[in-house]
Amino acid sequence: MIEVKQLKHLNATVRIPGSKSYTQRAMVIAALAEGESRLTEVLLAEDTALLARALEAMGAQIRSEGNEMIVRGTGGKVARPGREIHLGNNGTAMRLLTAVASLAKGPVVLTGDPRLRERPLKPLLDALAVLGVQSSTEGERGYPPVTIRGGRLRGAEVMLRDIESSQYVSALLIAAPFAAGEVTIVLTGRVPSLPYIALTVETMEAFGVDVTLDGTGRYVVKSGQRYRGRAYRIEGDVSSASYFFLAAALLKGRVRVENINPRTAQGDIGFLALLEGLGCRVLREENAVEIAGGELPGGEMTFDLGAMPDMVPTLAVLAALRPGRSLIRNVAHLRIKESDRLAAMVNELKKTGIDAEELADGIAVTGGKPRGATIATYSDHRIAMSFAVLGLAAPGMRIEGEECVGKSFPGFWKTLEALS
């Protein structure tokens, strides 16, 4: 357990590590590429270490040199691992590697921690079946562990309707160039976290594979394209940066966050515009963002975070101090993340004396004067980091299971301490 030190004044500069989303996509694509890739500014954390071991078991050669990762790709010739691949609670890796495993000759078994085994795969497995891939799960329920019997993908049109994770789409797109024919992915209905699909397409194109989007939710990947090894720099992680944006807003202080591209495709950059609407001043530079907090406006407000669901814990903590009621909507899929994030945020905000309740598609938070409490993290890095920042404003905040931040931001506690 760690107790957070309250801050009275805030004027600081911090540097953010590489993006987990970009790092994992670049690692998988580099592992499928022809030749060698040098990834710089990579995030070295629990999730990326799990993914690296999995990719090595599937035939890639990976070594790290400081914050660089050198990946010798397989050219799409994925090896059959000699063991089960264990992915901890890395949902991104589970979805992306489920599609990659379809390129291996012979069965590949993917599994993980108890929480990962509660996170659904069925829409992705159904889509892979249309492309000729056989798979099985325990009791055919569509949850890990999953056995993929790949060999060769065929071209086809795949339709995904009202899915709970954009990672299904990213997984299919990354594997699609290796199909025997053209692959078309059609999205209809509700699709959360759309910016993450754009991020996947951007990374694919950087490694030499074109994706055509006709503007109506149809993604087309022509057969026969191949990823090519290259030097690739990973952007800073906006999700990790958001906790320091939050600190400035809570304490009415100033924080300069370095290694952040204000023009990034990462959807969470939209949190800056939201903060501007809540009285903060934002200065966007070439590779940095400076935030100065101001008076938070009162009254009832509604926030649609469907495009940036990782910002829900961050915004919920800000709402705890904003005078008025905040309705955070269009994020029902947070119930199947590292924890049930909606229930977790409501439970822990109540411990601090803040009125909060679950909605069908989000949460409602009524601001007040939160007090310190012992916060359960549910092994969820985003719960831990958001309440840690609340502890800068509310004295006596204690975070249990603080080591869970290693999933995405191993240096978080040192960076937080440096604010003082």
Protein backbone atom coordinates (compact mmCIF):
# COMPACT_ATOMS: atom_id res chain seq x y z
CA MET A 1 0.00 0.00 0.00
CA ILE A 2 1.20 3.50 -0.76
CA GLU A 3 -0.04 6.77 0.77
CA VAL A 4 -0.13 9.75 -1.55
CA LYS A 5 1.34 13.03 -0.33
CA GLN A 6 -1.04 15.98 -0.63
CA LEU A 7 0.18 18.94 -2.68
CA LYS A 8 -0.73 22.57 -1.98
CA HIS A 9 0.94 24.02 -5.08
CA LEU A 10 1.81 22.51 -8.46
CA ASN A 11 4.31 23.82 -11.02
CA ALA A 12 6.11 20.90 -12.65
CA THR A 13 7.46 19.28 -15.82
CA VAL A 14 7.14 15.55 -16.46
CA ARG A 15 8.12 13.23 -19.34
CA ILE A 16 5.78 10.45 -20.44
CA PRO A 17 6.87 6.99 -21.69
CA GLY A 18 5.92 5.53 -25.08
CA SER A 19 2.34 4.71 -26.00
CA LYS A 20 1.18 1.23 -25.02
CA SER A 21 -1.25 1.15 -27.94
CA TYR A 22 1.37 2.09 -30.52
CA THR A 23 4.05 -0.12 -28.94
CA GLN A 24 1.91 -3.25 -29.01
CA ARG A 25 0.69 -2.69 -32.57
CA ALA A 26 4.20 -1.94 -33.82
CA MET A 27 5.59 -5.03 -32.06
CA VAL A 28 3.01 -7.35 -33.64
CA ILE A 29 3.38 -5.84 -37.12
CA ALA A 30 7.21 -5.87 -36.89
CA ALA A 31 6.99 -9.54 -35.87
CA LEU A 32 5.01 -10.23 -39.08
CA ALA A 33 7.28 -8.10 -41.28
CA GLU A 34 10.02 -9.15 -43.64
CA GLY A 35 13.41 -8.13 -42.28
CA GLU A 36 14.39 -6.25 -39.14
CA SER A 37 12.68 -3.34 -37.43
CA ARG A 38 14.12 -0.97 -34.84
CA LEU A 39 11.40 0.44 -32.58
CA THR A 40 12.48 3.46 -30.53
CA GLU A 41 10.86 5.07 -27.45
CA VAL A 42 9.01 1.80 -26.81
CA LEU A 43 7.02 1.31 -23.63
CA LEU A 44 8.82 -1.25 -21.47
CA ALA A 45 6.10 -2.48 -19.13
CA GLU A 46 4.34 -5.65 -18.01
CA ASP A 47 2.00 -5.83 -21.01
CA THR A 48 4.74 -5.32 -23.59
CA ALA A 49 7.00 -7.88 -21.88
CA LEU A 50 4.20 -10.46 -22.03
CA LEU A 51 3.64 -9.67 -25.70
CA ALA A 52 7.36 -9.91 -26.51
CA ARG A 53 7.58 -13.40 -24.99
CA ALA A 54 4.50 -14.47 -26.95
CA LEU A 55 5.86 -13.15 -30.25
CA GLU A 56 9.18 -14.93 -29.64
CA ALA A 57 7.26 -18.18 -29.09
CA MET A 58 5.62 -17.56 -32.48
CA GLY A 59 8.94 -17.22 -34.29
CA ALA A 60 10.02 -13.57 -34.03
CA GLN A 61 13.44 -12.62 -32.67
CA ILE A 62 13.32 -9.71 -30.22
CA ARG A 63 15.98 -7.95 -28.19
CA SER A 64 15.95 -4.71 -26.21
CA GLU A 65 18.63 -2.04 -26.09
CA GLY A 66 17.64 0.63 -23.58
CA ASN A 67 14.30 2.02 -24.77
CA GLU A 68 14.77 0.50 -28.22
CA MET A 69 13.47 -2.87 -29.38
CA ILE A 70 14.95 -4.71 -32.35
CA VAL A 71 12.52 -7.16 -33.96
CA ARG A 72 13.47 -9.71 -36.63
CA GLY A 73 10.18 -10.53 -38.34
CA THR A 74 8.76 -13.82 -39.58
CA GLY A 75 7.50 -12.57 -42.95
CA GLY A 76 4.09 -13.91 -41.92
CA LYS A 77 5.40 -17.45 -41.41
CA VAL A 78 4.20 -17.81 -37.83
CA ALA A 79 5.71 -20.70 -35.87
CA ARG A 80 3.63 -23.08 -33.83
CA PRO A 81 4.65 -22.52 -30.19
CA GLY A 82 5.67 -25.55 -28.19
CA ARG A 83 3.60 -24.39 -25.22
CA GLU A 84 0.51 -22.46 -24.17
CA ILE A 85 0.99 -18.72 -24.51
CA HIS A 86 0.08 -16.93 -21.27
CA LEU A 87 -0.82 -13.25 -21.66
CA GLY A 88 -1.57 -12.18 -18.08
CA ASN A 89 -4.40 -9.63 -18.25
CA ASN A 90 -3.30 -8.16 -21.60
CA GLY A 91 -6.55 -7.89 -23.55
CA THR A 92 -4.96 -6.15 -26.54
CA ALA A 93 -2.40 -8.94 -26.94
CA MET A 94 -5.10 -11.60 -26.61
CA ARG A 95 -7.19 -10.10 -29.42
CA LEU A 96 -4.30 -9.28 -31.77
CA LEU A 97 -2.57 -12.64 -31.30
CA THR A 98 -5.81 -14.57 -31.80
CA ALA A 99 -5.75 -13.31 -35.40
CA VAL A 100 -1.97 -13.71 -35.78
CA ALA A 101 -2.25 -17.33 -34.58
CA SER A 102 -4.49 -18.03 -37.57
CA LEU A 103 -1.33 -17.80 -39.72
CA ALA A 104 0.41 -20.64 -37.86
CA LYS A 105 0.35 -24.22 -39.11
CA GLY A 106 -1.06 -26.27 -36.28
CA PRO A 107 -2.89 -25.32 -33.09
CA VAL A 108 -1.95 -22.31 -30.93
CA VAL A 109 -3.37 -22.02 -27.40
CA LEU A 110 -3.73 -18.53 -25.86
CA THR A 111 -4.68 -18.05 -22.22
CA GLY A 112 -4.20 -15.62 -19.35
CA ASP A 113 -5.13 -14.57 -15.83
CA PRO A 114 -8.63 -15.22 -14.41
CA ARG A 115 -9.80 -11.71 -15.39
CA LEU A 116 -8.57 -12.14 -18.98
CA ARG A 117 -10.54 -15.38 -19.17
CA GLU A 118 -13.69 -13.30 -18.51
CA ARG A 119 -13.10 -11.00 -21.48
CA PRO A 120 -15.03 -12.00 -24.63
CA LEU A 121 -13.57 -13.17 -27.94
CA LYS A 122 -16.61 -14.64 -29.70
CA PRO A 123 -17.21 -11.85 -32.28
CA LEU A 124 -13.56 -12.11 -33.34
CA LEU A 125 -13.67 -15.91 -33.51
CA ASP A 126 -16.88 -15.76 -35.57
CA ALA A 127 -15.22 -13.31 -37.97
CA LEU A 128 -12.14 -15.52 -38.29
CA ALA A 129 -14.41 -18.49 -39.06
CA VAL A 130 -15.72 -16.57 -42.11
CA LEU A 131 -12.05 -16.33 -43.19
CA GLY A 132 -11.64 -20.08 -42.85
CA VAL A 133 -10.07 -20.27 -39.39
CA GLN A 134 -11.13 -22.97 -36.94
CA SER A 135 -11.07 -22.24 -33.21
CA SER A 136 -12.44 -23.59 -29.95
CA THR A 137 -12.95 -22.33 -26.43
CA GLU A 138 -13.92 -24.11 -23.23
CA GLY A 139 -17.58 -25.06 -23.51
CA GLU A 140 -17.66 -23.05 -26.75
CA ARG A 141 -18.49 -19.95 -24.67
CA GLY A 142 -16.16 -17.66 -26.61
CA TYR A 143 -13.82 -16.74 -23.76
CA PRO A 144 -10.10 -17.58 -23.30
CA PRO A 145 -8.38 -19.95 -23.20
CA VAL A 146 -8.76 -20.26 -26.95
CA THR A 147 -7.24 -22.77 -29.36
CA ILE A 148 -6.67 -21.48 -32.90
CA ARG A 149 -6.19 -23.98 -35.72
CA GLY A 150 -4.85 -21.82 -38.51
CA GLY A 151 -2.91 -22.51 -41.64
CA ARG A 152 -4.26 -20.21 -44.34
CA LEU A 153 -6.67 -17.31 -44.31
CA ARG A 154 -9.05 -16.91 -47.22
CA GLY A 155 -10.39 -13.67 -48.58
CA ALA A 156 -13.97 -12.73 -47.71
CA GLU A 157 -16.27 -9.97 -46.52
CA VAL A 158 -16.68 -9.99 -42.74
CA MET A 159 -19.46 -8.09 -40.98
CA LEU A 160 -19.19 -6.95 -37.36
CA ARG A 161 -22.29 -5.47 -35.73
CA ASP A 162 -22.60 -3.74 -32.31
CA ILE A 163 -19.24 -5.01 -31.06
CA GLU A 164 -17.92 -4.27 -27.55
CA SER A 165 -14.26 -3.89 -28.57
CA SER A 166 -12.53 -2.17 -31.48
CA GLN A 167 -9.63 -4.58 -30.92
CA TYR A 168 -11.54 -7.22 -32.91
CA VAL A 169 -11.25 -4.96 -35.95
CA SER A 170 -7.58 -4.17 -35.33
CA ALA A 171 -6.79 -7.89 -35.04
CA LEU A 172 -8.49 -8.73 -38.34
CA LEU A 173 -6.86 -5.81 -40.15
CA ILE A 174 -3.33 -6.73 -39.02
CA ALA A 175 -3.67 -10.34 -40.23
CA ALA A 176 -5.59 -9.50 -43.42
CA PRO A 177 -2.63 -8.93 -45.81
CA PHE A 178 -1.74 -12.62 -45.51
CA ALA A 179 -5.15 -13.86 -46.67
CA ALA A 180 -5.40 -15.67 -50.01
CA GLY A 181 -7.84 -13.03 -51.28
CA GLU A 182 -9.05 -9.53 -50.52
CA VAL A 183 -10.48 -9.02 -47.03
CA THR A 184 -13.29 -6.51 -46.46
CA ILE A 185 -14.41 -5.67 -42.92
CA VAL A 186 -17.83 -4.02 -42.62
CA LEU A 187 -18.80 -2.31 -39.36
CA THR A 188 -22.43 -1.62 -38.50
CA GLY A 189 -24.14 -0.41 -35.35
CA ARG A 190 -22.18 0.59 -32.26
CA VAL A 191 -18.37 0.39 -32.39
CA PRO A 192 -16.53 1.81 -29.35
CA SER A 193 -13.06 3.34 -29.40
CA LEU A 194 -12.97 4.05 -33.14
CA PRO A 195 -9.74 6.11 -32.89
CA TYR A 196 -7.88 2.90 -31.99
CA ILE A 197 -8.80 1.44 -35.39
CA ALA A 198 -7.37 4.54 -37.09
CA LEU A 199 -4.22 4.08 -35.02
CA THR A 200 -3.95 0.46 -36.24
CA VAL A 201 -4.38 1.53 -39.88
CA GLU A 202 -1.74 4.24 -39.44
CA THR A 203 0.77 1.72 -38.04
CA MET A 204 0.03 -0.82 -40.79
CA GLU A 205 0.63 1.80 -43.46
CA ALA A 206 3.90 2.87 -41.82
CA PHE A 207 5.11 -0.72 -42.32
CA GLY A 208 4.01 -0.83 -45.97
CA VAL A 209 0.45 -2.20 -46.03
CA ASP A 210 -2.39 -0.07 -47.43
CA VAL A 211 -5.90 -0.12 -45.99
CA THR A 212 -8.76 1.45 -47.97
CA LEU A 213 -11.65 3.00 -46.04
CA ASP A 214 -14.60 4.08 -48.16
CA GLY A 215 -16.14 6.22 -45.41
CA THR A 216 -19.08 3.95 -44.63
CA GLY A 217 -17.39 1.61 -42.16
CA ARG A 218 -15.86 -0.61 -44.88
CA TYR A 219 -12.15 -1.42 -44.53
CA VAL A 220 -10.53 -3.19 -47.50
CA VAL A 221 -7.12 -4.90 -47.39
CA LYS A 222 -5.82 -6.28 -50.68
CA SER A 223 -4.12 -9.67 -50.64
CA GLY A 224 -0.42 -10.10 -51.33
CA GLN A 225 0.77 -7.02 -49.47
CA ARG A 226 3.60 -7.52 -46.98
CA TYR A 227 4.92 -5.61 -44.01
CA ARG A 228 8.50 -4.40 -44.37
CA GLY A 229 10.91 -3.95 -41.48
CA ARG A 230 11.80 -0.33 -40.73
CA ALA A 231 12.89 2.15 -38.09
CA TYR A 232 9.81 3.34 -36.22
CA ARG A 233 9.49 5.82 -33.35
CA ILE A 234 6.75 5.31 -30.77
CA GLU A 235 4.83 8.40 -29.65
CA GLY A 236 4.35 9.23 -25.98
CA ASP A 237 1.29 7.72 -24.28
CA VAL A 238 -1.60 10.20 -24.01
CA SER A 239 -3.50 7.91 -21.62
CA SER A 240 -0.55 8.06 -19.21
CA ALA A 241 -0.22 11.82 -19.74
CA SER A 242 -3.86 12.35 -18.79
CA TYR A 243 -3.12 11.79 -15.09
CA PHE A 244 -0.82 14.81 -15.10
CA PHE A 245 -3.32 16.87 -17.08
CA LEU A 246 -5.74 15.88 -14.30
CA ALA A 247 -3.31 16.97 -11.58
CA ALA A 248 -3.16 20.48 -13.06
CA ALA A 249 -6.96 20.67 -13.23
CA LEU A 250 -7.51 19.42 -9.66
CA LEU A 251 -4.88 21.67 -8.04
CA LYS A 252 -5.35 24.71 -10.29
CA GLY A 253 -1.64 24.39 -11.00
CA ARG A 254 0.61 24.11 -14.05
CA VAL A 255 2.10 20.95 -15.55
CA ARG A 256 4.19 20.71 -18.71
CA VAL A 257 4.01 17.19 -20.16
CA GLU A 258 6.83 16.30 -22.56
CA ASN A 259 6.96 13.57 -25.23
CA ILE A 260 3.33 14.16 -26.23
CA ASN A 261 2.26 14.92 -29.80
CA PRO A 262 -0.82 17.20 -29.70
CA ARG A 263 -1.71 16.09 -33.25
CA THR A 264 -1.60 12.37 -32.43
CA ALA A 265 -4.15 9.85 -33.71
CA GLN A 266 -4.54 8.62 -30.12
CA GLY A 267 -8.18 9.27 -29.26
CA ASP A 268 -7.41 10.26 -25.68
CA ILE A 269 -5.93 13.55 -26.92
CA GLY A 270 -9.57 14.67 -27.04
CA PHE A 271 -9.36 14.97 -23.24
CA LEU A 272 -7.52 18.28 -23.76
CA ALA A 273 -10.52 19.88 -25.47
CA LEU A 274 -12.73 18.57 -22.69
CA LEU A 275 -10.43 20.19 -20.10
CA GLU A 276 -10.55 23.48 -21.99
CA GLY A 277 -14.33 23.34 -21.64
CA LEU A 278 -13.83 22.87 -17.90
CA GLY A 279 -11.80 26.02 -17.36
CA CYS A 280 -8.24 24.84 -18.08
CA ARG A 281 -5.78 26.62 -20.36
CA VAL A 282 -3.94 24.34 -22.79
CA LEU A 283 -0.76 25.21 -24.68
CA ARG A 284 0.05 22.76 -27.50
CA GLU A 285 3.68 22.65 -28.63
CA GLU A 286 5.58 20.49 -31.14
CA ASN A 287 6.15 17.56 -28.77
CA ALA A 288 4.73 18.78 -25.46
CA VAL A 289 1.53 20.02 -23.86
CA GLU A 290 1.22 22.49 -20.98
CA ILE A 291 -1.91 22.57 -18.83
CA ALA A 292 -2.91 25.30 -16.38
CA GLY A 293 -5.94 24.61 -14.21
CA GLY A 294 -8.69 27.11 -13.54
CA GLU A 295 -12.06 27.31 -11.79
CA LEU A 296 -14.22 24.29 -12.60
CA PRO A 297 -17.70 25.32 -13.81
CA GLY A 298 -20.75 24.08 -11.91
CA GLY A 299 -24.07 22.57 -12.94
CA GLU A 300 -25.09 19.31 -14.60
CA MET A 301 -22.95 18.24 -17.55
CA THR A 302 -22.98 15.21 -19.86
CA PHE A 303 -19.81 13.78 -21.38
CA ASP A 304 -19.77 11.21 -24.21
CA LEU A 305 -16.51 9.28 -23.83
CA GLY A 306 -17.25 6.55 -26.36
CA ALA A 307 -14.19 7.53 -28.38
CA MET A 308 -11.86 7.73 -25.35
CA PRO A 309 -13.05 5.21 -22.75
CA ASP A 310 -9.69 5.08 -20.93
CA MET A 311 -10.40 8.66 -19.83
CA VAL A 312 -13.44 7.62 -17.77
CA PRO A 313 -11.55 7.07 -14.47
CA THR A 314 -9.62 10.32 -15.06
CA LEU A 315 -12.76 12.36 -15.73
CA ALA A 316 -14.68 10.68 -12.88
CA VAL A 317 -11.99 11.82 -10.44
CA LEU A 318 -12.16 15.36 -11.82
CA ALA A 319 -15.96 15.22 -11.48
CA ALA A 320 -15.52 14.41 -7.79
CA LEU A 321 -14.32 18.00 -7.23
CA ARG A 322 -16.45 19.77 -9.84
CA PRO A 323 -19.54 21.43 -8.32
CA GLY A 324 -22.48 19.74 -10.01
CA ARG A 325 -23.51 16.40 -11.46
CA SER A 326 -21.44 14.77 -14.23
CA LEU A 327 -22.99 12.13 -16.47
CA ILE A 328 -20.32 10.05 -18.25
CA ARG A 329 -22.00 8.10 -21.06
CA ASN A 330 -21.53 5.68 -23.97
CA VAL A 331 -18.98 3.53 -22.14
CA ALA A 332 -20.89 0.38 -21.18
CA HIS A 333 -18.03 -1.72 -22.58
CA LEU A 334 -15.84 -0.64 -19.63
CA ARG A 335 -17.46 -3.48 -17.70
CA ILE A 336 -15.18 -5.89 -19.63
CA LYS A 337 -11.83 -4.10 -19.24
CA GLU A 338 -9.03 -4.98 -16.77
CA SER A 339 -11.75 -4.65 -14.13
CA ASP A 340 -15.42 -3.71 -14.26
CA ARG A 341 -14.33 -0.09 -14.35
CA LEU A 342 -17.80 1.38 -13.92
CA ALA A 343 -18.54 -0.57 -10.74
CA ALA A 344 -14.99 -0.03 -9.47
CA MET A 345 -15.13 3.75 -9.88
CA VAL A 346 -18.52 3.99 -8.19
CA ASN A 347 -17.41 1.83 -5.25
CA GLU A 348 -14.18 3.71 -4.64
CA LEU A 349 -15.63 7.20 -5.12
CA LYS A 350 -18.24 6.38 -2.47
CA LYS A 351 -15.40 5.52 -0.06
CA THR A 352 -14.16 9.11 -0.45
CA GLY A 353 -17.60 10.49 0.42
CA ILE A 354 -18.59 11.31 -3.16
CA ASP A 355 -22.05 10.40 -4.47
CA ALA A 356 -21.71 8.17 -7.53
CA GLU A 357 -23.95 5.66 -9.29
CA GLU A 358 -23.82 3.33 -12.27
CA LEU A 359 -25.88 4.09 -15.35
CA ALA A 360 -26.79 1.61 -18.07
CA ASP A 361 -24.01 3.04 -20.27
CA GLY A 362 -21.76 4.85 -17.80
CA ILE A 363 -21.66 6.53 -14.40
CA ALA A 364 -22.98 9.65 -12.69
CA VAL A 365 -20.81 11.58 -10.22
CA THR A 366 -21.97 14.45 -8.00
CA GLY A 367 -19.04 16.62 -6.99
CA GLY A 368 -18.16 17.62 -3.46
CA LYS A 369 -15.19 17.51 -1.09
CA PRO A 370 -13.63 14.05 -1.30
CA ARG A 371 -11.75 12.74 1.71
CA GLY A 372 -8.87 10.31 1.93
CA ALA A 373 -9.66 6.60 1.91
CA THR A 374 -8.07 3.22 1.32
CA ILE A 375 -8.66 2.55 -2.38
CA ALA A 376 -8.93 -0.94 -3.84
CA THR A 377 -7.47 -1.06 -7.35
CA TYR A 378 -8.96 -4.36 -8.62
CA SER A 379 -5.52 -4.98 -10.22
CA ASP A 380 -6.45 -2.17 -12.63
CA HIS A 381 -3.73 0.35 -13.45
CA ARG A 382 -6.18 3.09 -14.43
CA ILE A 383 -8.07 2.88 -11.13
CA ALA A 384 -4.77 3.12 -9.22
CA MET A 385 -3.42 6.10 -11.16
CA SER A 386 -6.63 8.15 -11.19
CA PHE A 387 -7.18 7.86 -7.42
CA ALA A 388 -3.49 8.51 -6.76
CA VAL A 389 -3.89 11.89 -8.46
CA LEU A 390 -7.04 12.56 -6.42
CA GLY A 391 -4.81 12.02 -3.38
CA LEU A 392 -2.81 15.11 -4.37
CA ALA A 393 -5.92 17.15 -3.54
CA ALA A 394 -7.58 14.97 -0.86
CA PRO A 395 -5.18 14.18 2.02
CA GLY A 396 -4.88 10.65 3.39
CA MET A 397 -5.43 8.74 0.13
CA ARG A 398 -3.98 5.22 0.32
CA ILE A 399 -3.70 2.99 -2.75
CA GLU A 400 -3.72 -0.79 -2.32
CA GLY A 401 -2.07 -3.04 -4.92
CA GLU A 402 -0.10 -0.08 -6.24
CA GLU A 403 2.19 -2.35 -8.25
CA CYS A 404 -0.57 -2.79 -10.88
CA VAL A 405 0.62 0.44 -12.57
CA GLY A 406 3.45 -1.69 -13.99
CA LYS A 407 0.99 -2.85 -16.66
CA SER A 408 1.36 0.42 -18.57
CA PHE A 409 3.48 2.94 -16.60
CA PRO A 410 6.14 1.34 -14.37
CA GLY A 411 7.63 4.75 -13.49
CA PHE A 412 4.31 6.28 -12.43
CA TRP A 413 4.99 6.55 -8.69
CA LYS A 414 8.39 8.22 -9.19
CA THR A 415 6.87 10.63 -11.73
CA LEU A 416 4.02 11.45 -9.33
CA GLU A 417 6.45 12.02 -6.46
CA ALA A 418 8.51 14.35 -8.66
CA LEU A 419 5.53 16.75 -8.84
CA SER A 420 6.39 17.90 -5.33
